[in-house]
Structures are given as C-alpha cells and as structure tokens.
Amino acid sequence: MKKSAKTKQIEEHYEVPKKLDYSTVPKAIEEAIKHKPYEIEKDVNLSWDGKQFMIRIPLDISTEMGITKENKGEFKVRFKLVKGSPNSDEITKVTMELMK
C-alpha cells in the first residue's frame, strides 16, 4: 500500500499554556472560568443634604440586584454597628446589608 501525501504530513500539536491570559475576557466570564465567585467592589461617596447622609448604589450593583426606580420600595438596607470594647485596640465596624 502506498501512503498518500496527506498521511505523510507531520501533525502539529499545540500545548495549552499553563497560565492563561484573561485580560481580554469580561470579568464575569473570567470569574466563572477561574471558579471564583463574581464580586463587585465599589467605593462611593457619602453625601449630606442638610437632614441626612446619603449614598448612591453603583449601577452595576443595582443591575445585578434588580433594583429599578419602579421597585424602589421593595428593598431595605440594614446597618449594623459593632463598637470595640473600651480600652481595647478593637476598631468600630459598620456593615450594610441590602435585602429584598
């Protein structure tokens, strides 16, 4: 039997890189590929209107939570303040939890 020209060609094998470059991949897809939770961390400014302090929820967080101006009364924010013991090095910590 004669070998055809196609079978004589050398097959090229490509190795998968050990570390992939995720710089061109959107962050949500990157986190899913890396098997890590999708996280959004934003810093916002505290405002004062003369009566109370206010913050704005960043758009990408409100989109993920499904917050729109039509359902604004459905959500609540719970504040929790944990103050360090007197005469200790513990810091005062405030956490905010967004609930539906």
Protein backbone atom coordinates (compact mmCIF):
# COMPACT_ATOMS: atom_id res chain seq x y z
CA MET A 1 0.00 0.00 0.00
CA LYS A 2 1.18 3.45 -0.78
CA LYS A 3 0.85 6.25 1.74
CA SER A 4 -0.87 9.34 0.48
CA ALA A 5 0.71 12.76 0.79
CA LYS A 6 -1.84 13.69 3.45
CA THR A 7 -0.71 10.96 5.84
CA LYS A 8 2.91 11.92 5.41
CA GLN A 9 2.30 15.42 6.73
CA ILE A 10 3.59 15.99 10.20
CA GLU A 11 0.82 16.65 12.66
CA GLU A 12 1.31 19.76 14.71
CA HIS A 13 0.41 19.57 18.38
CA TYR A 14 -0.28 22.70 20.33
CA GLU A 15 0.27 22.76 24.05
CA VAL A 16 -2.21 24.56 26.25
CA PRO A 17 -0.41 27.28 28.18
CA LYS A 18 -0.10 26.61 31.90
CA LYS A 19 -1.33 30.11 32.74
CA LEU A 20 -3.95 31.69 30.52
CA ASP A 21 -4.21 35.41 29.84
CA TYR A 22 -7.65 36.59 30.94
CA SER A 23 -7.03 40.28 30.22
CA THR A 24 -9.32 40.29 27.16
CA VAL A 25 -12.12 38.29 28.77
CA PRO A 26 -15.00 40.09 30.58
CA LYS A 27 -14.69 39.91 34.37
CA ALA A 28 -17.89 37.87 34.86
CA ILE A 29 -16.66 35.18 32.47
CA GLU A 30 -13.17 35.27 33.96
CA GLU A 31 -14.52 34.60 37.45
CA ALA A 32 -16.67 31.72 36.15
CA ILE A 33 -13.67 30.17 34.40
CA LYS A 34 -11.47 30.51 37.49
CA HIS A 35 -14.25 29.01 39.65
CA LYS A 36 -14.29 32.02 41.92
CA PRO A 37 -17.38 33.97 42.96
CA TYR A 38 -18.25 37.02 40.92
CA GLU A 39 -17.54 40.09 43.04
CA ILE A 40 -18.14 43.78 42.56
CA GLU A 41 -16.43 46.13 44.97
CA LYS A 42 -17.05 49.85 44.68
CA ASP A 43 -16.24 52.87 46.82
CA VAL A 44 -18.96 55.52 46.96
CA ASN A 45 -19.04 58.99 48.46
CA LEU A 46 -21.17 59.94 51.43
CA SER A 47 -23.37 63.00 50.79
CA TRP A 48 -25.21 65.33 53.16
CA ASP A 49 -28.44 67.13 52.20
CA GLY A 50 -28.78 69.08 55.44
CA LYS A 51 -31.02 66.49 57.09
CA GLN A 52 -29.42 63.10 56.48
CA PHE A 53 -26.45 61.33 54.95
CA MET A 54 -26.95 59.63 51.58
CA ILE A 55 -25.11 57.22 49.32
CA ARG A 56 -25.76 56.09 45.77
CA ILE A 57 -25.78 52.44 44.79
CA PRO A 58 -23.48 51.90 41.77
CA LEU A 59 -25.29 50.98 38.56
CA ASP A 60 -23.60 47.60 38.06
CA ILE A 61 -24.59 46.53 41.60
CA SER A 62 -28.19 47.74 41.20
CA THR A 63 -28.40 45.91 37.86
CA GLU A 64 -27.20 42.64 39.44
CA MET A 65 -29.67 43.06 42.32
CA GLY A 66 -32.55 44.01 40.00
CA ILE A 67 -33.11 47.41 41.59
CA THR A 68 -35.07 49.82 39.42
CA LYS A 69 -36.99 53.00 40.15
CA GLU A 70 -40.22 51.02 39.70
CA ASN A 71 -39.42 48.67 42.64
CA LYS A 72 -37.57 51.11 44.89
CA GLY A 73 -39.78 50.41 47.96
CA GLU A 74 -39.14 46.65 47.86
CA PHE A 75 -35.55 46.90 49.11
CA LYS A 76 -34.21 47.77 52.55
CA VAL A 77 -30.70 48.35 53.85
CA ARG A 78 -29.78 47.03 57.29
CA PHE A 79 -26.95 48.78 59.12
CA LYS A 80 -25.05 47.01 61.87
CA LEU A 81 -22.55 48.83 64.08
CA VAL A 82 -20.11 46.86 66.22
CA LYS A 83 -18.17 49.12 68.54
CA GLY A 84 -14.94 47.91 70.07
CA SER A 85 -14.68 47.35 73.80
CA PRO A 86 -13.45 50.33 75.84
CA ASN A 87 -9.68 50.40 76.43
CA SER A 88 -9.02 47.90 73.64
CA ASP A 89 -7.50 48.06 70.17
CA GLU A 90 -10.71 46.83 68.51
CA ILE A 91 -11.98 49.06 65.75
CA THR A 92 -15.58 50.17 65.23
CA LYS A 93 -17.08 48.38 62.26
CA VAL A 94 -20.23 49.18 60.28
CA THR A 95 -21.70 46.68 57.84
CA MET A 96 -24.55 47.27 55.41
CA GLU A 97 -26.77 44.54 54.06
CA LEU A 98 -29.14 45.05 51.12
CA MET A 99 -32.31 42.98 51.48
CA LYS A 100 -35.37 42.44 49.34
